[in-house]
Amino acid sequence: MTDQSEIKMDLLNEWQMPLLPTVSLVIPLSELVPPNPFKKEASSPLDLTALFEHTQKNEDLFDNDEESTETDDDRLVILAKAIAEFYDNAPAMGEEVFKQGFQTGKHVIHSSSPIALHLAARNGDLAEIKKLIGQGFKVNAEDFLSSTPLHIAANYGRTEAVKLLLQYGANVHDLSYEGFSAIQLAIHKGHYSAAQVLVAQGKVNPSQISAKGETPLNMLFDAFIAKMKSHEIEAQTPKAIKEVHEMLEALETFAAHGGKYCHYVVPFVAENTKSGGTSNQFYKFPISMQLKIYSGFAPTEALREKILKLAEKIYATDKSEDAFLSAKNLLNVFPTGQLYYIKIGDGNKIIMKSDGHFKLFTTELAKNSLTAYLQKLTTEHADPVEIAAFTRLKEIYTNAHEFVSKTGQSSTIEHYLSLYEQGKTILIPSGWEGHFVTIFASQAQKVVGVGNSGERYMNIQPGISFYKTTDQLDPAFIKELAFNQNKKHFEFDKMYDYGLLEKIGSISVTEQKYGNCTWESHRDAIEGMLLIELLNLNTSPSAAKDIAHRYFQGWDHFHGQYQLNEYLNGDLVLPAKALIDIFSEVHQKTQQGQFTEHEKSYAKTILNALTSPQYTAEFKHWLQNDGSSTKGLQLKALFSGYGLDLTEKGGISGKVADTHLNEAIAQFKALHKNLETSNAQETHHADDVANYTATPTPTTLPHFEVAVEGF
């Protein structure tokens, strides 16, 4: 043991007491314990027996009803623990120490301690912070955990202390324990007002990507997503609602100080198929768009409107959502499996993967397409039965879009169930993590249908499966499937829970080739529901399936052209390479000699776009760089078949037509047999993102709605 009147505090490190430095801290014993029970002369040894006889009287510290058998060493350890507790819970300086043991719940700060400023920051003691800095304490001094006082104030949510430390020049960029910045600590602990101060006053860039591939905005939005999906928000507990409001206020501050674009970033590793090298890249998703998605989780209309109001405020200064949705809608209908840069304005670009989308927007897309097709049918005085069937489809999708927009509200679930009970067909956009599936139910036909041509149990065929309903559906069925995240829960548990075990029919489709389940499953649902509505319109069961397929094909062909026109009539945000890839995908059937008029129409529309002033330069660049590859020669043969003269290198002339298309298709087939072996030897333009293949970054990615929708 050291000097009789001092205790060396190194021993306390064994209890990992927070904020203690590794240096030896010597505190006079007289400052820590009352003197009367065990005060001795300086030459006398410390009387531990007297000490512990006294401390045993304090039941809150030591609850010993029997006679103690502890040794002096045991008691020294206990004493060290008591001192550690006192360090965190002692009276303020100047107050009497011995008041009910150490239970005053206050923090002692010794100005001689090298971490005195850290402790003042932890306590939010503004006067002490000012005093210590006035005495010469460094505002950016680090403790043994690499933390500055600002880190500690942020970690404990001491907002006013954060403000004060910033005024004294605290470094907002310094990294603490495990590389955490002050703003990351604040967000991690749910101290959103402190995070706002660090952004607004401390000038922290909330969109700055860290070495871990995350941003403060990401962290905040992840917390928002988790809270919106929580049982607490569903139960509308005051604490959860208050926390969401705090998050929204912080998001507004972050958006205002994060630069022109407010994006959620998802890191991935891109491999260049030309060089074999890799690079770290990022997908970026407009926060305004994500807020619209998660507003549907709000349990009240008031909260939903608040979220949407923030989305609109962000959109007012960052309209990259428009470019994102324009490109994503096109690529979801015409998937290529590639990566592309898309233009978001002022020369800025972001990387987009053609796969995946969001059910809120694809449900709206289907609704708008069905509305346009119904208008076409009405104008053309089509078959009244077809008009009646598509009138019902439009109503189903109008209701479904409203449902997806407000699923978190119990009144929405109840209303949807009432539609079902009234005999109307309802659509539930559903699925599980990584995959989107559609469910539709008709009480009139006593059937539940599932549209899925992608991931599924091995005994389920791609397309539409119809199951006989034996049990009445209830709100839980609708709600659980709308928010489902688990494949087994969807395909197994719910089937048994609701007696959906008798398969009464199916419509087989081609296996989904790319990750565009958010559109393919809607296509499946539309054909399946056309069959249901034809039966509801008293169409003969023997004829209904064929008629439904014919009606579906009419709409499906219309929709492809509709979506191409929607894209081409807006800002052309995708590169020419994306349209060339779509053109190539459209012509894949020519390998088997199959090519329909509607596919020919798509191809001509794409070529007209590629030869337009907006794309001509990029198209010529592609012809010069990729046109000599085997695949390039195939496509050039097809281009020529549509009337384009490409004989002069880099030149494009002629008018798009299909006069020589048959000869071009024959040449295409002749070249196709060499495609697989020569693909590995092709050259690519170095800046073309389509050269890259994406693999997930080793960093743990944040859980995000994108994963649910097929990314």
Foldseek 3Di string as FASTA:
>chain_A
DDFQQKDWLCLLCVVVQPPDFNDIDIDGVVVPDPQPQFPDPRPDHTDLVSVVVVVCVQCVLPPDPDDDPDDPVVSVNSVSVLSSVLQQQADEPPDDTPDSRRHPRDHYADLVDLCSLLVCLLVLPPVSNVVSVVVPRDQCDAGNQRDGSLLNNLLNLSQVSNVVSVVVPHDQCRAGHPRHGSLNSNLVNLNLSSNLCCVPVVVDQQPDQDPLGAGSLQSLVLVLLPLLPDVCQLVPDVVSVVSNVSSLVSNLSNLVRNPQADWGWAWFWKAFLFPRDIDIFIATDGVLVVLQQSLQSGQDPVSSVSSNVSSVVSCVRFVLNVQVCLQQVLLLLLPQQFKFWFDRDPPDTGIDGSFFDFLLVLLVLVLVLLVVVLVVCVVVVHDPLLNVLSVLVNVQSVLQNVCSSHVNYLVNLVVQLVCQVVFRKHKAFAFAFQATKIWIDGPVVQKIKIAAQEDAPPVDAHFIWIFGFDARDDSCLRNCRNPHHDRCCVPPVVCVVGVRPHTDDGDHDDHDDGNSNSNRNVLRVQLVSSLVVCVVVVNDNVCSNVVSVVSSVVSSLSSSVVSLCSSVVDDVGTALVVLLSSLVSLCPCLLVPDHDPSSVVSNLSSVVVCVDPVNLVRSLVCCQQQCPFLVNVLSVLQQVQQFWDCPDRSDTDGHGHRNRNVVSSVVSNVSVVCRVVRVSVTDDDPPGSRSIDIDRDPNDTRDDSRSRGND
